[in-house]
Amino acid sequence: MSRIAIIDRQGVLWARADGPFGGPVCLELEVAVLEAATVGRFPVTVLDLSQTPTVDSCGVGALVRLQTALATKGRRLILANPTAAVADELRLRDLYAFFQISYELTPDMDQEELLLASDL
């Protein structure tokens, strides 16, 4: 079972889903992140994938929709610390370069540090 957490850390929206990212969890997280990013007008959203062991096609679709929706509003989505299985799934679908991905993000970083920490 997955658990979703969304918090404001120094003006950055941090979201995390612990557990597999698929099925109803991916849709719930997608809606919650879009709503929180829009209402709070967060310029940067970080999705922490460090506790996400797998992602299915629904999860990949949710990530693509999040990236697209936030980018069209001039906002950034950063995928933080994805597990090897999640990163491999994005590479397999030729989507790894579609996202800003970093393996060195921590919640105490400010917006500028987050944007400079990208591994891409």
PDB file of N, CA and C in Angstrom:
ATOM      1  N   MET A   1       0.835  -1.182   0.000  1.00  0.00           N
ATOM      2  CA  MET A   1       0.000   0.000   0.000  1.00  0.00           C
ATOM      3  C   MET A   1       0.880   1.245   0.000  1.00  0.00           C
ATOM      4  N   SER A   2       0.516   2.231  -0.775  1.00  0.00           N
ATOM      5  CA  SER A   2       1.294   3.461  -0.879  1.00  0.00           C
ATOM      6  C   SER A   2       0.733   4.537   0.035  1.00  0.00           C
ATOM      7  N   ARG A   3       1.618   5.415   0.412  1.00  0.00           N
ATOM      8  CA  ARG A   3       1.236   6.567   1.223  1.00  0.00           C
ATOM      9  C   ARG A   3       1.769   7.807   0.520  1.00  0.00           C
ATOM     10  N   ILE A   4       0.928   8.827   0.405  1.00  0.00           N
ATOM     11  CA  ILE A   4       1.294  10.057  -0.291  1.00  0.00           C
ATOM     12  C   ILE A   4       1.513  11.167   0.721  1.00  0.00           C
ATOM     13  N   ALA A   5       2.586  11.928   0.523  1.00  0.00           N
ATOM     14  CA  ALA A   5       2.867  13.090   1.366  1.00  0.00           C
ATOM     15  C   ALA A   5       3.186  14.270   0.457  1.00  0.00           C
ATOM     16  N   ILE A   6       2.588  15.416   0.748  1.00  0.00           N
ATOM     17  CA  ILE A   6       2.848  16.649  -0.006  1.00  0.00           C
ATOM     18  C   ILE A   6       3.054  17.761   1.007  1.00  0.00           C
ATOM     19  N   ILE A   7       4.216  18.421   0.918  1.00  0.00           N
ATOM     20  CA  ILE A   7       4.539  19.483   1.875  1.00  0.00           C
ATOM     21  C   ILE A   7       5.220  20.658   1.177  1.00  0.00           C
ATOM     22  N   ASP A   8       5.164  21.801   1.820  1.00  0.00           N
ATOM     23  CA  ASP A   8       5.837  23.021   1.365  1.00  0.00           C
ATOM     24  C   ASP A   8       7.143  23.129   2.154  1.00  0.00           C
ATOM     25  N   ARG A   9       8.255  23.077   1.448  1.00  0.00           N
ATOM     26  CA  ARG A   9       9.568  23.233   2.081  1.00  0.00           C
ATOM     27  C   ARG A   9      10.279  24.412   1.426  1.00  0.00           C
ATOM     28  N   GLN A  10      10.372  25.492   2.147  1.00  0.00           N
ATOM     29  CA  GLN A  10      11.073  26.691   1.684  1.00  0.00           C
ATOM     30  C   GLN A  10      10.557  27.162   0.321  1.00  0.00           C
ATOM     31  N   GLY A  11       9.250  27.128   0.130  1.00  0.00           N
ATOM     32  CA  GLY A  11       8.661  27.601  -1.114  1.00  0.00           C
ATOM     33  C   GLY A  11       8.724  26.612  -2.261  1.00  0.00           C
ATOM     34  N   VAL A  12       9.120  25.378  -1.967  1.00  0.00           N
ATOM     35  CA  VAL A  12       9.174  24.314  -2.963  1.00  0.00           C
ATOM     36  C   VAL A  12       8.166  23.252  -2.552  1.00  0.00           C
ATOM     37  N   LEU A  13       7.367  22.800  -3.506  1.00  0.00           N
ATOM     38  CA  LEU A  13       6.403  21.743  -3.226  1.00  0.00           C
ATOM     39  C   LEU A  13       7.115  20.402  -3.342  1.00  0.00           C
ATOM     40  N   TRP A  14       7.155  19.662  -2.223  1.00  0.00           N
ATOM     41  CA  TRP A  14       7.757  18.324  -2.193  1.00  0.00           C
ATOM     42  C   TRP A  14       6.643  17.300  -2.106  1.00  0.00           C
ATOM     43  N   ALA A  15       6.670  16.323  -2.985  1.00  0.00           N
ATOM     44  CA  ALA A  15       5.672  15.258  -2.973  1.00  0.00           C
ATOM     45  C   ALA A  15       6.397  13.914  -2.969  1.00  0.00           C
ATOM     46  N   ARG A  16       5.773  12.944  -2.323  1.00  0.00           N
ATOM     47  CA  ARG A  16       6.373  11.613  -2.247  1.00  0.00           C
ATOM     48  C   ARG A  16       5.264  10.572  -2.144  1.00  0.00           C
ATOM     49  N   ALA A  17       5.453   9.488  -2.852  1.00  0.00           N
ATOM     50  CA  ALA A  17       4.565   8.337  -2.715  1.00  0.00           C
ATOM     51  C   ALA A  17       5.432   7.165  -2.297  1.00  0.00           C
ATOM     52  N   ASP A  18       5.199   6.655  -1.107  1.00  0.00           N
ATOM     53  CA  ASP A  18       5.946   5.498  -0.626  1.00  0.00           C
ATOM     54  C   ASP A  18       5.236   4.241  -1.106  1.00  0.00           C
ATOM     55  N   GLY A  19       5.940   3.411  -1.812  1.00  0.00           N
ATOM     56  CA  GLY A  19       5.367   2.184  -2.346  1.00  0.00           C
ATOM     57  C   GLY A  19       5.297   2.244  -3.860  1.00  0.00           C
ATOM     58  N   PRO A  20       4.793   1.195  -4.481  1.00  0.00           N
ATOM     59  CA  PRO A  20       4.696   1.147  -5.943  1.00  0.00           C
ATOM     60  C   PRO A  20       3.870   2.318  -6.482  1.00  0.00           C
ATOM     61  N   PHE A  21       4.323   2.877  -7.606  1.00  0.00           N
ATOM     62  CA  PHE A  21       3.648   4.016  -8.215  1.00  0.00           C
ATOM     63  C   PHE A  21       2.849   3.520  -9.412  1.00  0.00           C
ATOM     64  N   GLY A  22       1.573   3.251  -9.163  1.00  0.00           N
ATOM     65  CA  GLY A  22       0.703   2.764 -10.214  1.00  0.00           C
ATOM     66  C   GLY A  22      -0.733   2.739  -9.745  1.00  0.00           C
ATOM     67  N   GLY A  23      -1.626   2.357 -10.642  1.00  0.00           N
ATOM     68  CA  GLY A  23      -3.040   2.247 -10.299  1.00  0.00           C
ATOM     69  C   GLY A  23      -3.608   3.531  -9.739  1.00  0.00           C
ATOM     70  N   PRO A  24      -4.476   3.424  -8.745  1.00  0.00           N
ATOM     71  CA  PRO A  24      -5.131   4.619  -8.194  1.00  0.00           C
ATOM     72  C   PRO A  24      -4.168   5.575  -7.493  1.00  0.00           C
ATOM     73  N   VAL A  25      -3.026   5.063  -7.021  1.00  0.00           N
ATOM     74  CA  VAL A  25      -2.055   5.921  -6.321  1.00  0.00           C
ATOM     75  C   VAL A  25      -1.499   6.977  -7.266  1.00  0.00           C
ATOM     76  N   CYS A  26      -1.164   6.582  -8.495  1.00  0.00           N
ATOM     77  CA  CYS A  26      -0.573   7.550  -9.423  1.00  0.00           C
ATOM     78  C   CYS A  26      -1.574   8.637  -9.780  1.00  0.00           C
ATOM     79  N   LEU A  27      -2.826   8.261  -9.950  1.00  0.00           N
ATOM     80  CA  LEU A  27      -3.845   9.259 -10.267  1.00  0.00           C
ATOM     81  C   LEU A  27      -4.104  10.187  -9.084  1.00  0.00           C
ATOM     82  N   GLU A  28      -4.124   9.629  -7.894  1.00  0.00           N
ATOM     83  CA  GLU A  28      -4.320  10.438  -6.688  1.00  0.00           C
ATOM     84  C   GLU A  28      -3.171  11.432  -6.503  1.00  0.00           C
ATOM     85  N   LEU A  29      -1.947  10.969  -6.688  1.00  0.00           N
ATOM     86  CA  LEU A  29      -0.796  11.853  -6.546  1.00  0.00           C
ATOM     87  C   LEU A  29      -0.796  12.931  -7.627  1.00  0.00           C
ATOM     88  N   GLU A  30      -1.109  12.553  -8.847  1.00  0.00           N
ATOM     89  CA  GLU A  30      -1.152  13.515  -9.953  1.00  0.00           C
ATOM     90  C   GLU A  30      -2.127  14.649  -9.651  1.00  0.00           C
ATOM     91  N   VAL A  31      -3.333  14.320  -9.249  1.00  0.00           N
ATOM     92  CA  VAL A  31      -4.347  15.330  -8.941  1.00  0.00           C
ATOM     93  C   VAL A  31      -3.903  16.191  -7.759  1.00  0.00           C
ATOM     94  N   ALA A  32      -3.398  15.565  -6.716  1.00  0.00           N
ATOM     95  CA  ALA A  32      -2.989  16.300  -5.515  1.00  0.00           C
ATOM     96  C   ALA A  32      -1.837  17.260  -5.810  1.00  0.00           C
ATOM     97  N   VAL A  33      -0.862  16.810  -6.574  1.00  0.00           N
ATOM     98  CA  VAL A  33       0.283  17.676  -6.900  1.00  0.00           C
ATOM     99  C   VAL A  33      -0.149  18.833  -7.782  1.00  0.00           C
ATOM    100  N   LEU A  34      -0.945  18.567  -8.805  1.00  0.00           N
ATOM    101  CA  LEU A  34      -1.405  19.654  -9.681  1.00  0.00           C
ATOM    102  C   LEU A  34      -2.220  20.680  -8.915  1.00  0.00           C
ATOM    103  N   GLU A  35      -3.090  20.217  -8.049  1.00  0.00           N
ATOM    104  CA  GLU A  35      -3.899  21.135  -7.251  1.00  0.00           C
ATOM    105  C   GLU A  35      -3.030  21.963  -6.311  1.00  0.00           C
ATOM    106  N   ALA A  36      -2.120  21.308  -5.599  1.00  0.00           N
ATOM    107  CA  ALA A  36      -1.258  22.016  -4.655  1.00  0.00           C
ATOM    108  C   ALA A  36      -0.331  22.996  -5.371  1.00  0.00           C
ATOM    109  N   ALA A  37       0.225  22.595  -6.511  1.00  0.00           N
ATOM    110  CA  ALA A  37       1.126  23.476  -7.261  1.00  0.00           C
ATOM    111  C   ALA A  37       0.390  24.686  -7.808  1.00  0.00           C
ATOM    112  N   THR A  38      -0.847  24.487  -8.241  1.00  0.00           N
ATOM    113  CA  THR A  38      -1.643  25.575  -8.795  1.00  0.00           C
ATOM    114  C   THR A  38      -2.120  26.527  -7.704  1.00  0.00           C
ATOM    115  N   VAL A  39      -2.675  25.973  -6.649  1.00  0.00           N
ATOM    116  CA  VAL A  39      -3.194  26.806  -5.557  1.00  0.00           C
ATOM    117  C   VAL A  39      -2.059  27.563  -4.878  1.00  0.00           C
ATOM    118  N   GLY A  40      -0.958  26.872  -4.612  1.00  0.00           N
ATOM    119  CA  GLY A  40       0.167  27.502  -3.927  1.00  0.00           C
ATOM    120  C   GLY A  40       1.101  28.263  -4.840  1.00  0.00           C
ATOM    121  N   ARG A  41       0.865  28.149  -6.131  1.00  0.00           N
ATOM    122  CA  ARG A  41       1.694  28.815  -7.142  1.00  0.00           C
ATOM    123  C   ARG A  41       3.180  28.525  -6.953  1.00  0.00           C
ATOM    124  N   PHE A  42       3.478  27.278  -6.694  1.00  0.00           N
ATOM    125  CA  PHE A  42       4.872  26.867  -6.502  1.00  0.00           C
ATOM    126  C   PHE A  42       5.590  26.843  -7.843  1.00  0.00           C
ATOM    127  N   PRO A  43       6.719  27.543  -7.956  1.00  0.00           N
ATOM    128  CA  PRO A  43       7.455  27.523  -9.216  1.00  0.00           C
ATOM    129  C   PRO A  43       8.207  26.207  -9.427  1.00  0.00           C
ATOM    130  N   VAL A  44       8.503  25.501  -8.334  1.00  0.00           N
ATOM    131  CA  VAL A  44       9.249  24.245  -8.416  1.00  0.00           C
ATOM    132  C   VAL A  44       8.516  23.172  -7.615  1.00  0.00           C
ATOM    133  N   THR A  45       8.338  22.020  -8.243  1.00  0.00           N
ATOM    134  CA  THR A  45       7.768  20.856  -7.571  1.00  0.00           C
ATOM    135  C   THR A  45       8.786  19.732  -7.654  1.00  0.00           C
ATOM    136  N   VAL A  46       9.069  19.125  -6.525  1.00  0.00           N
ATOM    137  CA  VAL A  46       9.980  17.984  -6.470  1.00  0.00           C
ATOM    138  C   VAL A  46       9.157  16.747  -6.132  1.00  0.00           C
ATOM    139  N   LEU A  47       9.297  15.724  -6.949  1.00  0.00           N
ATOM    140  CA  LEU A  47       8.648  14.446  -6.675  1.00  0.00           C
ATOM    141  C   LEU A  47       9.741  13.481  -6.242  1.00  0.00           C
ATOM    142  N   ASP A  48       9.760  13.165  -4.957  1.00  0.00           N
ATOM    143  CA  ASP A  48      10.767  12.272  -4.382  1.00  0.00           C
ATOM    144  C   ASP A  48      10.368  10.829  -4.670  1.00  0.00           C
ATOM    145  N   LEU A  49      11.191  10.152  -5.448  1.00  0.00           N
ATOM    146  CA  LEU A  49      10.911   8.771  -5.842  1.00  0.00           C
ATOM    147  C   LEU A  49      11.823   7.777  -5.133  1.00  0.00           C
ATOM    148  N   SER A  50      12.466   8.193  -4.065  1.00  0.00           N
ATOM    149  CA  SER A  50      13.416   7.327  -3.363  1.00  0.00           C
ATOM    150  C   SER A  50      12.755   6.139  -2.680  1.00  0.00           C
ATOM    151  N   GLN A  51      11.478   6.243  -2.380  1.00  0.00           N
ATOM    152  CA  GLN A  51      10.753   5.150  -1.721  1.00  0.00           C
ATOM    153  C   GLN A  51       9.745   4.493  -2.667  1.00  0.00           C
ATOM    154  N   THR A  52       9.985   4.645  -3.963  1.00  0.00           N
ATOM    155  CA  THR A  52       9.101   4.090  -4.981  1.00  0.00           C
ATOM    156  C   THR A  52       9.828   2.939  -5.672  1.00  0.00           C
ATOM    157  N   PRO A  53       9.514   1.698  -5.294  1.00  0.00           N
ATOM    158  CA  PRO A  53      10.266   0.566  -5.846  1.00  0.00           C
ATOM    159  C   PRO A  53       9.971   0.284  -7.313  1.00  0.00           C
ATOM    160  N   THR A  54       8.755   0.595  -7.772  1.00  0.00           N
ATOM    161  CA  THR A  54       8.379   0.319  -9.159  1.00  0.00           C
ATOM    162  C   THR A  54       7.406   1.382  -9.659  1.00  0.00           C
ATOM    163  N   VAL A  55       7.310   1.473 -10.979  1.00  0.00           N
ATOM    164  CA  VAL A  55       6.333   2.350 -11.613  1.00  0.00           C
ATOM    165  C   VAL A  55       5.725   1.570 -12.782  1.00  0.00           C
ATOM    166  N   ASP A  56       4.397   1.630 -12.919  1.00  0.00           N
ATOM    167  CA  ASP A  56       3.750   0.945 -14.034  1.00  0.00           C
ATOM    168  C   ASP A  56       3.362   1.970 -15.103  1.00  0.00           C
ATOM    169  N   SER A  57       2.648   1.520 -16.128  1.00  0.00           N
ATOM    170  CA  SER A  57       2.293   2.418 -17.234  1.00  0.00           C
ATOM    171  C   SER A  57       1.418   3.579 -16.763  1.00  0.00           C
ATOM    172  N   CYS A  58       0.544   3.343 -15.790  1.00  0.00           N
ATOM    173  CA  CYS A  58      -0.279   4.423 -15.239  1.00  0.00           C
ATOM    174  C   CYS A  58       0.615   5.453 -14.558  1.00  0.00           C
ATOM    175  N   GLY A  59       1.606   4.989 -13.828  1.00  0.00           N
ATOM    176  CA  GLY A  59       2.536   5.891 -13.151  1.00  0.00           C
ATOM    177  C   GLY A  59       3.362   6.697 -14.136  1.00  0.00           C
ATOM    178  N   VAL A  60       3.835   6.056 -15.177  1.00  0.00           N
ATOM    179  CA  VAL A  60       4.602   6.764 -16.208  1.00  0.00           C
ATOM    180  C   VAL A  60       3.721   7.819 -16.872  1.00  0.00           C
ATOM    181  N   GLY A  61       2.482   7.454 -17.172  1.00  0.00           N
ATOM    182  CA  GLY A  61       1.548   8.420 -17.769  1.00  0.00           C
ATOM    183  C   GLY A  61       1.307   9.605 -16.853  1.00  0.00           C
ATOM    184  N   ALA A  62       1.165   9.344 -15.559  1.00  0.00           N
ATOM    185  CA  ALA A  62       0.963  10.422 -14.594  1.00  0.00           C
ATOM    186  C   ALA A  62       2.182  11.342 -14.543  1.00  0.00           C
ATOM    187  N   LEU A  63       3.372  10.776 -14.597  1.00  0.00           N
ATOM    188  CA  LEU A  63       4.589  11.601 -14.590  1.00  0.00           C
ATOM    189  C   LEU A  63       4.650  12.490 -15.832  1.00  0.00           C
ATOM    190  N   VAL A  64       4.331  11.929 -16.988  1.00  0.00           N
ATOM    191  CA  VAL A  64       4.340  12.707 -18.237  1.00  0.00           C
ATOM    192  C   VAL A  64       3.300  13.825 -18.173  1.00  0.00           C
ATOM    193  N   ARG A  65       2.100  13.508 -17.688  1.00  0.00           N
ATOM    194  CA  ARG A  65       1.054  14.547 -17.583  1.00  0.00           C
ATOM    195  C   ARG A  65       1.449  15.637 -16.592  1.00  0.00           C
ATOM    196  N   LEU A  66       2.059  15.254 -15.467  1.00  0.00           N
ATOM    197  CA  LEU A  66       2.519  16.251 -14.497  1.00  0.00           C
ATOM    198  C   LEU A  66       3.564  17.170 -15.117  1.00  0.00           C
ATOM    199  N   GLN A  67       4.558  16.561 -15.774  1.00  0.00           N
ATOM    200  CA  GLN A  67       5.613  17.348 -16.413  1.00  0.00           C
ATOM    201  C   GLN A  67       5.013  18.324 -17.417  1.00  0.00           C
ATOM    202  N   THR A  68       4.115  17.848 -18.244  1.00  0.00           N
ATOM    203  CA  THR A  68       3.505  18.672 -19.290  1.00  0.00           C
ATOM    204  C   THR A  68       2.645  19.786 -18.690  1.00  0.00           C
ATOM    205  N   ALA A  69       1.805  19.434 -17.725  1.00  0.00           N
ATOM    206  CA  ALA A  69       0.905  20.427 -17.118  1.00  0.00           C
ATOM    207  C   ALA A  69       1.691  21.517 -16.395  1.00  0.00           C
ATOM    208  N   LEU A  70       2.706  21.135 -15.647  1.00  0.00           N
ATOM    209  CA  LEU A  70       3.490  22.145 -14.918  1.00  0.00           C
ATOM    210  C   LEU A  70       4.310  22.996 -15.881  1.00  0.00           C
ATOM    211  N   ALA A  71       4.906  22.379 -16.889  1.00  0.00           N
ATOM    212  CA  ALA A  71       5.718  23.123 -17.849  1.00  0.00           C
ATOM    213  C   ALA A  71       4.885  24.145 -18.621  1.00  0.00           C
ATOM    214  N   THR A  72       3.650  23.798 -18.966  1.00  0.00           N
ATOM    215  CA  THR A  72       2.808  24.742 -19.703  1.00  0.00           C
ATOM    216  C   THR A  72       2.410  25.939 -18.840  1.00  0.00           C
ATOM    217  N   LYS A  73       2.560  25.806 -17.533  1.00  0.00           N
ATOM    218  CA  LYS A  73       2.277  26.918 -16.615  1.00  0.00           C
ATOM    219  C   LYS A  73       3.559  27.627 -16.177  1.00  0.00           C
ATOM    220  N   GLY A  74       4.672  27.286 -16.835  1.00  0.00           N
ATOM    221  CA  GLY A  74       5.947  27.923 -16.518  1.00  0.00           C
ATOM    222  C   GLY A  74       6.572  27.425 -15.224  1.00  0.00           C
ATOM    223  N   ARG A  75       6.200  26.229 -14.814  1.00  0.00           N
ATOM    224  CA  ARG A  75       6.714  25.670 -13.558  1.00  0.00           C
ATOM    225  C   ARG A  75       7.609  24.470 -13.850  1.00  0.00           C
ATOM    226  N   ARG A  76       8.436  24.109 -12.860  1.00  0.00           N
ATOM    227  CA  ARG A  76       9.385  23.019 -13.027  1.00  0.00           C
ATOM    228  C   ARG A  76       9.004  21.819 -12.187  1.00  0.00           C
ATOM    229  N   LEU A  77       9.194  20.644 -12.749  1.00  0.00           N
ATOM    230  CA  LEU A  77       9.053  19.388 -12.032  1.00  0.00           C
ATOM    231  C   LEU A  77      10.421  18.724 -12.017  1.00  0.00           C
ATOM    232  N   ILE A  78      10.869  18.344 -10.835  1.00  0.00           N
ATOM    233  CA  ILE A  78      12.128  17.624 -10.691  1.00  0.00           C
ATOM    234  C   ILE A  78      11.820  16.267 -10.073  1.00  0.00           C
ATOM    235  N   LEU A  79      12.285  15.212 -10.715  1.00  0.00           N
ATOM    236  CA  LEU A  79      12.171  13.871 -10.147  1.00  0.00           C
ATOM    237  C   LEU A  79      13.430  13.624  -9.327  1.00  0.00           C
ATOM    238  N   ALA A  80      13.250  13.422  -8.037  1.00  0.00           N
ATOM    239  CA  ALA A  80      14.392  13.295  -7.128  1.00  0.00           C
ATOM    240  C   ALA A  80      14.636  11.851  -6.728  1.00  0.00           C
ATOM    241  N   ASN A  81      15.881  11.467  -6.812  1.00  0.00           N
ATOM    242  CA  ASN A  81      16.362  10.203  -6.262  1.00  0.00           C
ATOM    243  C   ASN A  81      15.548   8.974  -6.682  1.00  0.00           C
ATOM    244  N   PRO A  82      15.263   8.818  -7.983  1.00  0.00           N
ATOM    245  CA  PRO A  82      14.481   7.644  -8.380  1.00  0.00           C
ATOM    246  C   PRO A  82      15.258   6.350  -8.120  1.00  0.00           C
ATOM    247  N   THR A  83      14.523   5.321  -7.739  1.00  0.00           N
ATOM    248  CA  THR A  83      15.153   4.018  -7.561  1.00  0.00           C
ATOM    249  C   THR A  83      15.625   3.514  -8.916  1.00  0.00           C
ATOM    250  N   ALA A  84      16.492   2.517  -8.901  1.00  0.00           N
ATOM    251  CA  ALA A  84      17.023   1.972 -10.151  1.00  0.00           C
ATOM    252  C   ALA A  84      15.903   1.450 -11.053  1.00  0.00           C
ATOM    253  N   ALA A  85      14.908   0.792 -10.469  1.00  0.00           N
ATOM    254  CA  ALA A  85      13.807   0.248 -11.269  1.00  0.00           C
ATOM    255  C   ALA A  85      12.997   1.351 -11.942  1.00  0.00           C
ATOM    256  N   VAL A  86      12.765   2.449 -11.240  1.00  0.00           N
ATOM    257  CA  VAL A  86      12.009   3.569 -11.815  1.00  0.00           C
ATOM    258  C   VAL A  86      12.823   4.232 -12.921  1.00  0.00           C
ATOM    259  N   ALA A  87      14.104   4.488 -12.668  1.00  0.00           N
ATOM    260  CA  ALA A  87      14.965   5.092 -13.695  1.00  0.00           C
ATOM    261  C   ALA A  87      15.056   4.194 -14.921  1.00  0.00           C
ATOM    262  N   ASP A  88      15.185   2.888 -14.709  1.00  0.00           N
ATOM    263  CA  ASP A  88      15.251   1.942 -15.832  1.00  0.00           C
ATOM    264  C   ASP A  88      13.959   1.957 -16.643  1.00  0.00           C
ATOM    265  N   GLU A  89      12.821   2.046 -15.968  1.00  0.00           N
ATOM    266  CA  GLU A  89      11.532   2.089 -16.679  1.00  0.00           C
ATOM    267  C   GLU A  89      11.433   3.346 -17.545  1.00  0.00           C
ATOM    268  N   LEU A  90      11.906   4.470 -17.025  1.00  0.00           N
ATOM    269  CA  LEU A  90      11.888   5.709 -17.818  1.00  0.00           C
ATOM    270  C   LEU A  90      12.838   5.599 -19.007  1.00  0.00           C
ATOM    271  N   ARG A  91      13.995   4.985 -18.808  1.00  0.00           N
ATOM    272  CA  ARG A  91      14.937   4.789 -19.912  1.00  0.00           C
ATOM    273  C   ARG A  91      14.346   3.841 -20.957  1.00  0.00           C
ATOM    274  N   LEU A  92      13.725   2.752 -20.505  1.00  0.00           N
ATOM    275  CA  LEU A  92      13.124   1.769 -21.401  1.00  0.00           C
ATOM    276  C   LEU A  92      12.081   2.415 -22.303  1.00  0.00           C
ATOM    277  N   ARG A  93      11.341   3.363 -21.765  1.00  0.00           N
ATOM    278  CA  ARG A  93      10.298   4.061 -22.530  1.00  0.00           C
ATOM    279  C   ARG A  93      10.839   5.310 -23.229  1.00  0.00           C
ATOM    280  N   ASP A  94      12.159   5.488 -23.190  1.00  0.00           N
ATOM    281  CA  ASP A  94      12.838   6.622 -23.821  1.00  0.00           C
ATOM    282  C   ASP A  94      12.319   7.956 -23.278  1.00  0.00           C
ATOM    283  N   LEU A  95      12.067   8.000 -21.965  1.00  0.00           N
ATOM    284  CA  LEU A  95      11.537   9.209 -21.322  1.00  0.00           C
ATOM    285  C   LEU A  95      12.493   9.802 -20.293  1.00  0.00           C
ATOM    286  N   TYR A  96      13.620   9.181 -20.078  1.00  0.00           N
ATOM    287  CA  TYR A  96      14.532   9.659 -19.034  1.00  0.00           C
ATOM    288  C   TYR A  96      14.928  11.118 -19.277  1.00  0.00           C
ATOM    289  N   ALA A  97      15.240  11.477 -20.507  1.00  0.00           N
ATOM    290  CA  ALA A  97      15.657  12.840 -20.821  1.00  0.00           C
ATOM    291  C   ALA A  97      14.492  13.828 -20.869  1.00  0.00           C
ATOM    292  N   PHE A  98      13.267  13.327 -20.851  1.00  0.00           N
ATOM    293  CA  PHE A  98      12.077  14.180 -20.854  1.00  0.00           C
ATOM    294  C   PHE A  98      11.926  14.910 -19.527  1.00  0.00           C
ATOM    295  N   PHE A  99      12.499  14.340 -18.473  1.00  0.00           N
ATOM    296  CA  PHE A  99      12.370  14.886 -17.122  1.00  0.00           C
ATOM    297  C   PHE A  99      13.685  15.484 -16.635  1.00  0.00           C
ATOM    298  N   GLN A 100      13.559  16.415 -15.695  1.00  0.00           N
ATOM    299  CA  GLN A 100      14.729  16.876 -14.959  1.00  0.00           C
ATOM    300  C   GLN A 100      14.857  15.920 -13.782  1.00  0.00           C
ATOM    301  N   ILE A 101      15.974  15.197 -13.715  1.00  0.00           N
ATOM    302  CA  ILE A 101      16.170  14.163 -12.703  1.00  0.00           C
ATOM    303  C   ILE A 101      17.453  14.465 -11.938  1.00  0.00           C
ATOM    304  N   SER A 102      17.380  14.307 -10.626  1.00  0.00           N
ATOM    305  CA  SER A 102      18.568  14.505  -9.812  1.00  0.00           C
ATOM    306  C   SER A 102      18.632  13.462  -8.719  1.00  0.00           C
ATOM    307  N   TYR A 103      19.844  13.011  -8.436  1.00  0.00           N
ATOM    308  CA  TYR A 103      20.066  12.026  -7.382  1.00  0.00           C
ATOM    309  C   TYR A 103      20.679  12.649  -6.137  1.00  0.00           C
ATOM    310  N   GLU A 104      20.727  13.956  -6.080  1.00  0.00           N
ATOM    311  CA  GLU A 104      21.391  14.593  -4.943  1.00  0.00           C
ATOM    312  C   GLU A 104      20.528  15.645  -4.248  1.00  0.00           C
ATOM    313  N   LEU A 105      19.230  15.496  -4.299  1.00  0.00           N
ATOM    314  CA  LEU A 105      18.343  16.483  -3.694  1.00  0.00           C
ATOM    315  C   LEU A 105      17.974  16.109  -2.266  1.00  0.00           C
ATOM    316  N   THR A 106      17.887  17.144  -1.442  1.00  0.00           N
ATOM    317  CA  THR A 106      17.422  16.977  -0.066  1.00  0.00           C
ATOM    318  C   THR A 106      16.401  18.077   0.220  1.00  0.00           C
ATOM    319  N   PRO A 107      15.450  17.815   1.112  1.00  0.00           N
ATOM    320  CA  PRO A 107      14.392  18.799   1.395  1.00  0.00           C
ATOM    321  C   PRO A 107      14.875  20.126   1.974  1.00  0.00           C
ATOM    322  N   ASP A 108      16.102  20.199   2.466  1.00  0.00           N
ATOM    323  CA  ASP A 108      16.578  21.460   3.051  1.00  0.00           C
ATOM    324  C   ASP A 108      17.195  22.394   2.008  1.00  0.00           C
ATOM    325  N   MET A 109      17.213  22.002   0.738  1.00  0.00           N
ATOM    326  CA  MET A 109      17.776  22.837  -0.325  1.00  0.00           C
ATOM    327  C   MET A 109      16.776  23.919  -0.731  1.00  0.00           C
ATOM    328  N   ASP A 110      17.289  25.104  -1.082  1.00  0.00           N
ATOM    329  CA  ASP A 110      16.390  26.146  -1.568  1.00  0.00           C
ATOM    330  C   ASP A 110      16.186  25.972  -3.078  1.00  0.00           C
ATOM    331  N   GLN A 111      15.316  26.798  -3.663  1.00  0.00           N
ATOM    332  CA  GLN A 111      14.959  26.647  -5.075  1.00  0.00           C
ATOM    333  C   GLN A 111      16.166  26.697  -6.005  1.00  0.00           C
ATOM    334  N   GLU A 112      17.053  27.641  -5.776  1.00  0.00           N
ATOM    335  CA  GLU A 112      18.215  27.784  -6.642  1.00  0.00           C
ATOM    336  C   GLU A 112      19.100  26.545  -6.586  1.00  0.00           C
ATOM    337  N   GLU A 113      19.333  26.028  -5.384  1.00  0.00           N
ATOM    338  CA  GLU A 113      20.148  24.820  -5.240  1.00  0.00           C
ATOM    339  C   GLU A 113      19.485  23.638  -5.947  1.00  0.00           C
ATOM    340  N   LEU A 114      18.165  23.529  -5.839  1.00  0.00           N
ATOM    341  CA  LEU A 114      17.452  22.431  -6.489  1.00  0.00           C
ATOM    342  C   LEU A 114      17.633  22.472  -8.001  1.00  0.00           C
ATOM    343  N   LEU A 115      17.490  23.650  -8.567  1.00  0.00           N
ATOM    344  CA  LEU A 115      17.593  23.767 -10.015  1.00  0.00           C
ATOM    345  C   LEU A 115      19.011  23.533 -10.512  1.00  0.00           C
ATOM    346  N   LEU A 116      20.003  23.868  -9.713  1.00  0.00           N
ATOM    347  CA  LEU A 116      21.390  23.649 -10.095  1.00  0.00           C
ATOM    348  C   LEU A 116      21.829  22.205  -9.891  1.00  0.00           C
ATOM    349  N   ALA A 117      21.084  21.440  -9.110  1.00  0.00           N
ATOM    350  CA  ALA A 117      21.484  20.071  -8.780  1.00  0.00           C
ATOM    351  C   ALA A 117      21.085  19.055  -9.827  1.00  0.00           C
ATOM    352  N   SER A 118      20.455  19.471 -10.886  1.00  0.00           N
ATOM    353  CA  SER A 118      20.009  18.527 -11.905  1.00  0.00           C
ATOM    354  C   SER A 118      21.164  17.689 -12.429  1.00  0.00           C
ATOM    355  N   ASP A 119      20.935  16.406 -12.597  1.00  0.00           N
ATOM    356  CA  ASP A 119      21.949  15.501 -13.137  1.00  0.00           C
ATOM    357  C   ASP A 119      21.962  15.498 -14.658  1.00  0.00           C
ATOM    358  N   LEU A 120      20.959  16.113 -15.286  1.00  0.00           N
ATOM    359  CA  LEU A 120      20.886  16.101 -16.743  1.00  0.00           C
ATOM    360  C   LEU A 120      21.730  17.188 -17.339  1.00  0.00           C
TER     361      LEU A 120
END
